[in-house]
Amino acid sequence: MIIPARFLTGCVQWARNDASNTIWQAEYAKCKERGYLHFPPDVVRDVEVDYHDRYVSCEKNKKICLDGHRYESWPTLRTLHSDNNKDACNAIIKSCMSAKD
């Protein structure tokens, strides 16, 4: 059984049996426009710091370096982007598509 890819995304399901893919795409574009007009993207950027252990070789001694190596905590920075209006925009799109059934 083959399931169209648009139904796997979980965003919008449309039940009209008489609609072709072209009609569906046109209707979806109209609903998407309506969603973005009501809730334009509000992108927020955030920086996340993650620490991981890094292997460092060192000169063996009894106090600092017992085995000839040690692990040091090393920071990694990641920039995260999120859209504060994404859920509201998707709700408008889904509602619009449901109304077209």
PDB file of N, CA and C in Angstrom:
ATOM      1  N   MET A   1       0.843  -1.182   0.000  1.00  0.00           N
ATOM      2  CA  MET A   1       0.000   0.000   0.000  1.00  0.00           C
ATOM      3  C   MET A   1       0.885   1.241   0.000  1.00  0.00           C
ATOM      4  N   ILE A   2       0.621   2.152  -0.893  1.00  0.00           N
ATOM      5  CA  ILE A   2       1.419   3.364  -1.009  1.00  0.00           C
ATOM      6  C   ILE A   2       0.641   4.517  -0.394  1.00  0.00           C
ATOM      7  N   ILE A   3       1.309   5.243   0.495  1.00  0.00           N
ATOM      8  CA  ILE A   3       0.698   6.393   1.154  1.00  0.00           C
ATOM      9  C   ILE A   3       1.378   7.648   0.615  1.00  0.00           C
ATOM     10  N   PRO A   4       0.629   8.621   0.130  1.00  0.00           N
ATOM     11  CA  PRO A   4       1.246   9.847  -0.371  1.00  0.00           C
ATOM     12  C   PRO A   4       2.086  10.528   0.701  1.00  0.00           C
ATOM     13  N   ALA A   5       3.189  11.112   0.296  1.00  0.00           N
ATOM     14  CA  ALA A   5       4.147  11.717   1.229  1.00  0.00           C
ATOM     15  C   ALA A   5       3.519  12.849   2.040  1.00  0.00           C
ATOM     16  N   ARG A   6       2.580  13.565   1.468  1.00  0.00           N
ATOM     17  CA  ARG A   6       1.997  14.687   2.217  1.00  0.00           C
ATOM     18  C   ARG A   6       1.220  14.215   3.442  1.00  0.00           C
ATOM     19  N   PHE A   7       0.730  12.982   3.432  1.00  0.00           N
ATOM     20  CA  PHE A   7       0.010  12.478   4.592  1.00  0.00           C
ATOM     21  C   PHE A   7       0.956  12.013   5.686  1.00  0.00           C
ATOM     22  N   LEU A   8       2.201  11.728   5.331  1.00  0.00           N
ATOM     23  CA  LEU A   8       3.170  11.300   6.332  1.00  0.00           C
ATOM     24  C   LEU A   8       3.722  12.457   7.136  1.00  0.00           C
ATOM     25  N   THR A   9       3.611  13.680   6.635  1.00  0.00           N
ATOM     26  CA  THR A   9       4.172  14.824   7.332  1.00  0.00           C
ATOM     27  C   THR A   9       3.381  15.169   8.587  1.00  0.00           C
ATOM     28  N   GLY A  10       2.128  14.799   8.662  1.00  0.00           N
ATOM     29  CA  GLY A  10       1.332  15.061   9.846  1.00  0.00           C
ATOM     30  C   GLY A  10       0.788  16.480   9.904  1.00  0.00           C
ATOM     31  N   CYS A  11       1.113  17.316   8.939  1.00  0.00           N
ATOM     32  CA  CYS A  11       0.675  18.708   8.992  1.00  0.00           C
ATOM     33  C   CYS A  11      -0.789  18.857   8.583  1.00  0.00           C
ATOM     34  N   VAL A  12      -1.088  18.408   7.396  1.00  0.00           N
ATOM     35  CA  VAL A  12      -2.434  18.617   6.864  1.00  0.00           C
ATOM     36  C   VAL A  12      -2.884  17.360   6.136  1.00  0.00           C
ATOM     37  N   GLN A  13      -4.098  16.933   6.429  1.00  0.00           N
ATOM     38  CA  GLN A  13      -4.689  15.835   5.680  1.00  0.00           C
ATOM     39  C   GLN A  13      -5.973  16.350   5.060  1.00  0.00           C
ATOM     40  N   TRP A  14      -6.165  16.020   3.815  1.00  0.00           N
ATOM     41  CA  TRP A  14      -7.320  16.517   3.081  1.00  0.00           C
ATOM     42  C   TRP A  14      -8.083  15.332   2.545  1.00  0.00           C
ATOM     43  N   ALA A  15      -9.374  15.284   2.773  1.00  0.00           N
ATOM     44  CA  ALA A  15     -10.145  14.080   2.479  1.00  0.00           C
ATOM     45  C   ALA A  15     -10.910  14.125   1.157  1.00  0.00           C
ATOM     46  N   ARG A  16     -10.811  15.209   0.400  1.00  0.00           N
ATOM     47  CA  ARG A  16     -11.564  15.285  -0.851  1.00  0.00           C
ATOM     48  C   ARG A  16     -11.057  14.260  -1.844  1.00  0.00           C
ATOM     49  N   ASN A  17     -11.938  13.364  -2.264  1.00  0.00           N
ATOM     50  CA  ASN A  17     -11.550  12.304  -3.191  1.00  0.00           C
ATOM     51  C   ASN A  17     -11.462  12.779  -4.634  1.00  0.00           C
ATOM     52  N   ASP A  18     -12.187  13.843  -4.982  1.00  0.00           N
ATOM     53  CA  ASP A  18     -12.224  14.287  -6.368  1.00  0.00           C
ATOM     54  C   ASP A  18     -11.109  15.280  -6.712  1.00  0.00           C
ATOM     55  N   ALA A  19     -10.233  15.574  -5.777  1.00  0.00           N
ATOM     56  CA  ALA A  19      -9.199  16.587  -6.005  1.00  0.00           C
ATOM     57  C   ALA A  19      -7.904  15.958  -6.498  1.00  0.00           C
ATOM     58  N   SER A  20      -7.327  16.567  -7.522  1.00  0.00           N
ATOM     59  CA  SER A  20      -6.030  16.109  -8.017  1.00  0.00           C
ATOM     60  C   SER A  20      -4.935  16.749  -7.162  1.00  0.00           C
ATOM     61  N   ASN A  21      -3.714  16.292  -7.361  1.00  0.00           N
ATOM     62  CA  ASN A  21      -2.578  16.834  -6.619  1.00  0.00           C
ATOM     63  C   ASN A  21      -2.394  18.321  -6.916  1.00  0.00           C
ATOM     64  N   THR A  22      -2.658  18.733  -8.143  1.00  0.00           N
ATOM     65  CA  THR A  22      -2.521  20.136  -8.524  1.00  0.00           C
ATOM     66  C   THR A  22      -3.530  21.000  -7.777  1.00  0.00           C
ATOM     67  N   ILE A  23      -4.765  20.525  -7.690  1.00  0.00           N
ATOM     68  CA  ILE A  23      -5.798  21.264  -6.954  1.00  0.00           C
ATOM     69  C   ILE A  23      -5.431  21.331  -5.475  1.00  0.00           C
ATOM     70  N   TRP A  24      -4.971  20.216  -4.932  1.00  0.00           N
ATOM     71  CA  TRP A  24      -4.574  20.187  -3.509  1.00  0.00           C
ATOM     72  C   TRP A  24      -3.470  21.201  -3.255  1.00  0.00           C
ATOM     73  N   GLN A  25      -2.458  21.241  -4.131  1.00  0.00           N
ATOM     74  CA  GLN A  25      -1.348  22.175  -3.948  1.00  0.00           C
ATOM     75  C   GLN A  25      -1.814  23.628  -4.036  1.00  0.00           C
ATOM     76  N   ALA A  26      -2.741  23.914  -4.939  1.00  0.00           N
ATOM     77  CA  ALA A  26      -3.265  25.278  -5.067  1.00  0.00           C
ATOM     78  C   ALA A  26      -4.034  25.685  -3.816  1.00  0.00           C
ATOM     79  N   GLU A  27      -4.880  24.791  -3.322  1.00  0.00           N
ATOM     80  CA  GLU A  27      -5.652  25.080  -2.117  1.00  0.00           C
ATOM     81  C   GLU A  27      -4.731  25.217  -0.898  1.00  0.00           C
ATOM     82  N   TYR A  28      -3.727  24.356  -0.832  1.00  0.00           N
ATOM     83  CA  TYR A  28      -2.771  24.414   0.282  1.00  0.00           C
ATOM     84  C   TYR A  28      -1.995  25.728   0.242  1.00  0.00           C
ATOM     85  N   ALA A  29      -1.605  26.188  -0.948  1.00  0.00           N
ATOM     86  CA  ALA A  29      -0.876  27.456  -1.081  1.00  0.00           C
ATOM     87  C   ALA A  29      -1.733  28.626  -0.580  1.00  0.00           C
ATOM     88  N   LYS A  30      -3.041  28.602  -0.892  1.00  0.00           N
ATOM     89  CA  LYS A  30      -3.932  29.662  -0.413  1.00  0.00           C
ATOM     90  C   LYS A  30      -4.035  29.638   1.112  1.00  0.00           C
ATOM     91  N   CYS A  31      -4.171  28.440   1.665  1.00  0.00           N
ATOM     92  CA  CYS A  31      -4.276  28.318   3.124  1.00  0.00           C
ATOM     93  C   CYS A  31      -2.972  28.706   3.805  1.00  0.00           C
ATOM     94  N   LYS A  32      -1.865  28.344   3.181  1.00  0.00           N
ATOM     95  CA  LYS A  32      -0.555  28.687   3.739  1.00  0.00           C
ATOM     96  C   LYS A  32      -0.378  30.212   3.736  1.00  0.00           C
ATOM     97  N   GLU A  33      -0.807  30.861   2.669  1.00  0.00           N
ATOM     98  CA  GLU A  33      -0.738  32.324   2.603  1.00  0.00           C
ATOM     99  C   GLU A  33      -1.565  32.944   3.731  1.00  0.00           C
ATOM    100  N   ARG A  34      -2.763  32.412   3.947  1.00  0.00           N
ATOM    101  CA  ARG A  34      -3.625  32.919   5.014  1.00  0.00           C
ATOM    102  C   ARG A  34      -2.946  32.746   6.377  1.00  0.00           C
ATOM    103  N   GLY A  35      -2.333  31.585   6.583  1.00  0.00           N
ATOM    104  CA  GLY A  35      -1.646  31.336   7.854  1.00  0.00           C
ATOM    105  C   GLY A  35      -0.504  32.307   8.092  1.00  0.00           C
ATOM    106  N   TYR A  36       0.304  32.548   7.047  1.00  0.00           N
ATOM    107  CA  TYR A  36       1.443  33.459   7.196  1.00  0.00           C
ATOM    108  C   TYR A  36       1.014  34.918   7.308  1.00  0.00           C
ATOM    109  N   LEU A  37      -0.152  35.273   6.738  1.00  0.00           N
ATOM    110  CA  LEU A  37      -0.653  36.633   6.910  1.00  0.00           C
ATOM    111  C   LEU A  37      -1.080  36.881   8.354  1.00  0.00           C
ATOM    112  N   HIS A  38      -1.729  35.883   8.958  1.00  0.00           N
ATOM    113  CA  HIS A  38      -2.170  36.023  10.353  1.00  0.00           C
ATOM    114  C   HIS A  38      -1.014  35.874  11.338  1.00  0.00           C
ATOM    115  N   PHE A  39      -0.113  34.965  11.063  1.00  0.00           N
ATOM    116  CA  PHE A  39       1.007  34.694  11.974  1.00  0.00           C
ATOM    117  C   PHE A  39       2.314  34.606  11.179  1.00  0.00           C
ATOM    118  N   PRO A  40       2.901  35.775  10.844  1.00  0.00           N
ATOM    119  CA  PRO A  40       4.167  35.742  10.107  1.00  0.00           C
ATOM    120  C   PRO A  40       5.266  35.112  10.972  1.00  0.00           C
ATOM    121  N   PRO A  41       6.310  34.584  10.344  1.00  0.00           N
ATOM    122  CA  PRO A  41       7.385  33.959  11.111  1.00  0.00           C
ATOM    123  C   PRO A  41       8.000  34.930  12.125  1.00  0.00           C
ATOM    124  N   ASP A  42       8.175  34.472  13.318  1.00  0.00           N
ATOM    125  CA  ASP A  42       8.825  35.227  14.398  1.00  0.00           C
ATOM    126  C   ASP A  42      10.009  34.377  14.851  1.00  0.00           C
ATOM    127  N   VAL A  43      11.105  34.493  14.103  1.00  0.00           N
ATOM    128  CA  VAL A  43      12.260  33.631  14.330  1.00  0.00           C
ATOM    129  C   VAL A  43      13.086  34.171  15.498  1.00  0.00           C
ATOM    130  N   VAL A  44      13.383  33.266  16.416  1.00  0.00           N
ATOM    131  CA  VAL A  44      14.185  33.593  17.586  1.00  0.00           C
ATOM    132  C   VAL A  44      15.468  32.783  17.507  1.00  0.00           C
ATOM    133  N   ARG A  45      16.565  33.460  17.755  1.00  0.00           N
ATOM    134  CA  ARG A  45      17.858  32.789  17.732  1.00  0.00           C
ATOM    135  C   ARG A  45      18.355  32.660  19.172  1.00  0.00           C
ATOM    136  N   ASP A  46      18.870  31.505  19.491  1.00  0.00           N
ATOM    137  CA  ASP A  46      19.378  31.247  20.834  1.00  0.00           C
ATOM    138  C   ASP A  46      20.697  30.489  20.711  1.00  0.00           C
ATOM    139  N   VAL A  47      21.561  30.680  21.672  1.00  0.00           N
ATOM    140  CA  VAL A  47      22.844  29.981  21.684  1.00  0.00           C
ATOM    141  C   VAL A  47      22.826  28.980  22.834  1.00  0.00           C
ATOM    142  N   GLU A  48      23.211  27.770  22.526  1.00  0.00           N
ATOM    143  CA  GLU A  48      23.246  26.707  23.534  1.00  0.00           C
ATOM    144  C   GLU A  48      24.697  26.259  23.713  1.00  0.00           C
ATOM    145  N   VAL A  49      25.099  26.135  24.967  1.00  0.00           N
ATOM    146  CA  VAL A  49      26.445  25.662  25.274  1.00  0.00           C
ATOM    147  C   VAL A  49      26.331  24.225  25.758  1.00  0.00           C
ATOM    148  N   ASP A  50      27.103  23.357  25.135  1.00  0.00           N
ATOM    149  CA  ASP A  50      27.122  21.951  25.513  1.00  0.00           C
ATOM    150  C   ASP A  50      28.566  21.589  25.861  1.00  0.00           C
ATOM    151  N   TYR A  51      28.743  20.842  26.917  1.00  0.00           N
ATOM    152  CA  TYR A  51      30.083  20.438  27.320  1.00  0.00           C
ATOM    153  C   TYR A  51      30.267  18.957  27.067  1.00  0.00           C
ATOM    154  N   HIS A  52      31.433  18.605  26.561  1.00  0.00           N
ATOM    155  CA  HIS A  52      31.772  17.199  26.387  1.00  0.00           C
ATOM    156  C   HIS A  52      33.230  17.003  26.805  1.00  0.00           C
ATOM    157  N   ASP A  53      33.566  15.796  27.137  1.00  0.00           N
ATOM    158  CA  ASP A  53      34.930  15.500  27.570  1.00  0.00           C
ATOM    159  C   ASP A  53      35.845  15.371  26.365  1.00  0.00           C
ATOM    160  N   ARG A  54      37.021  15.947  26.507  1.00  0.00           N
ATOM    161  CA  ARG A  54      38.020  15.872  25.451  1.00  0.00           C
ATOM    162  C   ARG A  54      39.257  15.177  26.021  1.00  0.00           C
ATOM    163  N   TYR A  55      39.774  14.223  25.284  1.00  0.00           N
ATOM    164  CA  TYR A  55      40.961  13.467  25.675  1.00  0.00           C
ATOM    165  C   TYR A  55      42.189  14.351  25.493  1.00  0.00           C
ATOM    166  N   VAL A  56      43.004  14.480  26.560  1.00  0.00           N
ATOM    167  CA  VAL A  56      44.218  15.283  26.510  1.00  0.00           C
ATOM    168  C   VAL A  56      45.364  14.444  27.044  1.00  0.00           C
ATOM    169  N   SER A  57      46.414  14.311  26.231  1.00  0.00           N
ATOM    170  CA  SER A  57      47.574  13.584  26.748  1.00  0.00           C
ATOM    171  C   SER A  57      48.414  14.551  27.580  1.00  0.00           C
ATOM    172  N   CYS A  58      49.078  14.007  28.583  1.00  0.00           N
ATOM    173  CA  CYS A  58      49.863  14.842  29.481  1.00  0.00           C
ATOM    174  C   CYS A  58      51.056  14.042  30.012  1.00  0.00           C
ATOM    175  N   GLU A  59      51.957  14.765  30.596  1.00  0.00           N
ATOM    176  CA  GLU A  59      53.132  14.118  31.173  1.00  0.00           C
ATOM    177  C   GLU A  59      52.729  13.462  32.488  1.00  0.00           C
ATOM    178  N   LYS A  60      53.069  12.212  32.637  1.00  0.00           N
ATOM    179  CA  LYS A  60      52.672  11.444  33.811  1.00  0.00           C
ATOM    180  C   LYS A  60      53.285  12.020  35.087  1.00  0.00           C
ATOM    181  N   ASN A  61      52.446  12.214  36.089  1.00  0.00           N
ATOM    182  CA  ASN A  61      52.915  12.563  37.437  1.00  0.00           C
ATOM    183  C   ASN A  61      51.865  12.112  38.429  1.00  0.00           C
ATOM    184  N   LYS A  62      52.167  12.183  39.686  1.00  0.00           N
ATOM    185  CA  LYS A  62      51.268  11.620  40.703  1.00  0.00           C
ATOM    186  C   LYS A  62      50.094  12.528  41.050  1.00  0.00           C
ATOM    187  N   LYS A  63      50.208  13.829  40.825  1.00  0.00           N
ATOM    188  CA  LYS A  63      49.145  14.732  41.265  1.00  0.00           C
ATOM    189  C   LYS A  63      48.108  15.039  40.169  1.00  0.00           C
ATOM    190  N   ILE A  64      48.559  15.430  39.010  1.00  0.00           N
ATOM    191  CA  ILE A  64      47.631  15.907  37.982  1.00  0.00           C
ATOM    192  C   ILE A  64      47.336  14.862  36.919  1.00  0.00           C
ATOM    193  N   CYS A  65      48.348  14.095  36.545  1.00  0.00           N
ATOM    194  CA  CYS A  65      48.195  13.190  35.412  1.00  0.00           C
ATOM    195  C   CYS A  65      48.694  11.794  35.784  1.00  0.00           C
ATOM    196  N   LEU A  66      47.812  10.996  36.312  1.00  0.00           N
ATOM    197  CA  LEU A  66      48.200   9.668  36.798  1.00  0.00           C
ATOM    198  C   LEU A  66      48.497   8.689  35.666  1.00  0.00           C
ATOM    199  N   ASP A  67      47.732   8.728  34.587  1.00  0.00           N
ATOM    200  CA  ASP A  67      47.824   7.713  33.533  1.00  0.00           C
ATOM    201  C   ASP A  67      48.499   8.185  32.240  1.00  0.00           C
ATOM    202  N   GLY A  68      48.965   9.424  32.189  1.00  0.00           N
ATOM    203  CA  GLY A  68      49.534   9.932  30.949  1.00  0.00           C
ATOM    204  C   GLY A  68      48.480  10.569  30.047  1.00  0.00           C
ATOM    205  N   HIS A  69      47.268  10.632  30.523  1.00  0.00           N
ATOM    206  CA  HIS A  69      46.183  11.322  29.815  1.00  0.00           C
ATOM    207  C   HIS A  69      45.114  11.719  30.826  1.00  0.00           C
ATOM    208  N   ARG A  70      44.289  12.640  30.427  1.00  0.00           N
ATOM    209  CA  ARG A  70      43.155  13.058  31.269  1.00  0.00           C
ATOM    210  C   ARG A  70      42.041  13.558  30.344  1.00  0.00           C
ATOM    211  N   TYR A  71      40.897  13.726  30.903  1.00  0.00           N
ATOM    212  CA  TYR A  71      39.755  14.251  30.152  1.00  0.00           C
ATOM    213  C   TYR A  71      39.423  15.636  30.689  1.00  0.00           C
ATOM    214  N   GLU A  72      39.290  16.560  29.781  1.00  0.00           N
ATOM    215  CA  GLU A  72      38.915  17.923  30.149  1.00  0.00           C
ATOM    216  C   GLU A  72      37.546  18.233  29.559  1.00  0.00           C
ATOM    217  N   SER A  73      36.783  19.004  30.295  1.00  0.00           N
ATOM    218  CA  SER A  73      35.476  19.432  29.803  1.00  0.00           C
ATOM    219  C   SER A  73      35.701  20.524  28.764  1.00  0.00           C
ATOM    220  N   TRP A  74      35.084  20.356  27.587  1.00  0.00           N
ATOM    221  CA  TRP A  74      35.299  21.268  26.470  1.00  0.00           C
ATOM    222  C   TRP A  74      33.958  21.789  25.977  1.00  0.00           C
ATOM    223  N   PRO A  75      33.785  23.124  25.904  1.00  0.00           N
ATOM    224  CA  PRO A  75      32.488  23.661  25.471  1.00  0.00           C
ATOM    225  C   PRO A  75      32.309  23.624  23.955  1.00  0.00           C
ATOM    226  N   THR A  76      31.083  23.410  23.537  1.00  0.00           N
ATOM    227  CA  THR A  76      30.688  23.501  22.144  1.00  0.00           C
ATOM    228  C   THR A  76      29.483  24.427  22.075  1.00  0.00           C
ATOM    229  N   LEU A  77      29.538  25.402  21.179  1.00  0.00           N
ATOM    230  CA  LEU A  77      28.430  26.342  21.022  1.00  0.00           C
ATOM    231  C   LEU A  77      27.590  25.952  19.816  1.00  0.00           C
ATOM    232  N   ARG A  78      26.269  26.006  19.988  1.00  0.00           N
ATOM    233  CA  ARG A  78      25.337  25.749  18.881  1.00  0.00           C
ATOM    234  C   ARG A  78      24.350  26.898  18.812  1.00  0.00           C
ATOM    235  N   THR A  79      24.043  27.323  17.605  1.00  0.00           N
ATOM    236  CA  THR A  79      23.019  28.342  17.412  1.00  0.00           C
ATOM    237  C   THR A  79      21.721  27.638  17.035  1.00  0.00           C
ATOM    238  N   LEU A  80      20.678  27.930  17.779  1.00  0.00           N
ATOM    239  CA  LEU A  80      19.369  27.324  17.549  1.00  0.00           C
ATOM    240  C   LEU A  80      18.410  28.391  17.011  1.00  0.00           C
ATOM    241  N   HIS A  81      17.596  28.016  16.048  1.00  0.00           N
ATOM    242  CA  HIS A  81      16.581  28.914  15.493  1.00  0.00           C
ATOM    243  C   HIS A  81      15.215  28.273  15.702  1.00  0.00           C
ATOM    244  N   SER A  82      14.264  29.077  16.140  1.00  0.00           N
ATOM    245  CA  SER A  82      12.904  28.569  16.274  1.00  0.00           C
ATOM    246  C   SER A  82      11.923  29.684  15.892  1.00  0.00           C
ATOM    247  N   ASP A  83      10.753  29.270  15.444  1.00  0.00           N
ATOM    248  CA  ASP A  83       9.703  30.201  15.035  1.00  0.00           C
ATOM    249  C   ASP A  83       8.609  30.175  16.098  1.00  0.00           C
ATOM    250  N   ASN A  84       8.454  31.289  16.802  1.00  0.00           N
ATOM    251  CA  ASN A  84       7.434  31.357  17.861  1.00  0.00           C
ATOM    252  C   ASN A  84       6.013  31.228  17.324  1.00  0.00           C
ATOM    253  N   ASN A  85       5.795  31.559  16.048  1.00  0.00           N
ATOM    254  CA  ASN A  85       4.449  31.528  15.468  1.00  0.00           C
ATOM    255  C   ASN A  85       4.155  30.260  14.677  1.00  0.00           C
ATOM    256  N   LYS A  86       5.067  29.304  14.664  1.00  0.00           N
ATOM    257  CA  LYS A  86       4.912  28.113  13.828  1.00  0.00           C
ATOM    258  C   LYS A  86       3.630  27.333  14.149  1.00  0.00           C
ATOM    259  N   ASP A  87       3.385  27.060  15.422  1.00  0.00           N
ATOM    260  CA  ASP A  87       2.208  26.265  15.798  1.00  0.00           C
ATOM    261  C   ASP A  87       0.902  26.976  15.443  1.00  0.00           C
ATOM    262  N   ALA A  88       0.839  28.280  15.699  1.00  0.00           N
ATOM    263  CA  ALA A  88      -0.373  29.042  15.388  1.00  0.00           C
ATOM    264  C   ALA A  88      -0.596  29.091  13.873  1.00  0.00           C
ATOM    265  N   CYS A  89       0.475  29.284  13.115  1.00  0.00           N
ATOM    266  CA  CYS A  89       0.364  29.315  11.649  1.00  0.00           C
ATOM    267  C   CYS A  89      -0.113  27.966  11.123  1.00  0.00           C
ATOM    268  N   ASN A  90       0.452  26.865  11.637  1.00  0.00           N
ATOM    269  CA  ASN A  90       0.034  25.525  11.215  1.00  0.00           C
ATOM    270  C   ASN A  90      -1.424  25.253  11.567  1.00  0.00           C
ATOM    271  N   ALA A  91      -1.885  25.786  12.698  1.00  0.00           N
ATOM    272  CA  ALA A  91      -3.288  25.605  13.091  1.00  0.00           C
ATOM    273  C   ALA A  91      -4.218  26.312  12.105  1.00  0.00           C
ATOM    274  N   ILE A  92      -3.836  27.501  11.666  1.00  0.00           N
ATOM    275  CA  ILE A  92      -4.636  28.234  10.674  1.00  0.00           C
ATOM    276  C   ILE A  92      -4.674  27.451   9.360  1.00  0.00           C
ATOM    277  N   ILE A  93      -3.526  26.938   8.924  1.00  0.00           N
ATOM    278  CA  ILE A  93      -3.453  26.178   7.676  1.00  0.00           C
ATOM    279  C   ILE A  93      -4.322  24.925   7.766  1.00  0.00           C
ATOM    280  N   LYS A  94      -4.213  24.209   8.864  1.00  0.00           N
ATOM    281  CA  LYS A  94      -4.994  22.976   9.043  1.00  0.00           C
ATOM    282  C   LYS A  94      -6.492  23.274   9.067  1.00  0.00           C
ATOM    283  N   SER A  95      -6.867  24.326   9.771  1.00  0.00           N
ATOM    284  CA  SER A  95      -8.276  24.715   9.846  1.00  0.00           C
ATOM    285  C   SER A  95      -8.806  25.105   8.465  1.00  0.00           C
ATOM    286  N   CYS A  96      -8.007  25.849   7.736  1.00  0.00           N
ATOM    287  CA  CYS A  96      -8.397  26.266   6.388  1.00  0.00           C
ATOM    288  C   CYS A  96      -8.581  25.063   5.472  1.00  0.00           C
ATOM    289  N   MET A  97      -7.666  24.116   5.518  1.00  0.00           N
ATOM    290  CA  MET A  97      -7.774  22.930   4.669  1.00  0.00           C
ATOM    291  C   MET A  97      -8.965  22.052   5.067  1.00  0.00           C
ATOM    292  N   SER A  98      -9.227  21.980   6.360  1.00  0.00           N
ATOM    293  CA  SER A  98     -10.391  21.202   6.823  1.00  0.00           C
ATOM    294  C   SER A  98     -11.691  21.815   6.341  1.00  0.00           C
ATOM    295  N   ALA A  99     -11.737  23.127   6.267  1.00  0.00           N
ATOM    296  CA  ALA A  99     -12.935  23.811   5.802  1.00  0.00           C
ATOM    297  C   ALA A  99     -13.199  23.577   4.320  1.00  0.00           C
ATOM    298  N   LYS A 100     -12.181  23.188   3.586  1.00  0.00           N
ATOM    299  CA  LYS A 100     -12.324  22.953   2.139  1.00  0.00           C
ATOM    300  C   LYS A 100     -12.771  21.531   1.809  1.00  0.00           C
ATOM    301  N   ASP A 101     -12.909  20.668   2.807  1.00  0.00           N
ATOM    302  CA  ASP A 101     -13.364  19.284   2.567  1.00  0.00           C
ATOM    303  C   ASP A 101     -14.739  19.241   1.939  1.00  0.00           C
TER     304      ASP A 101
END
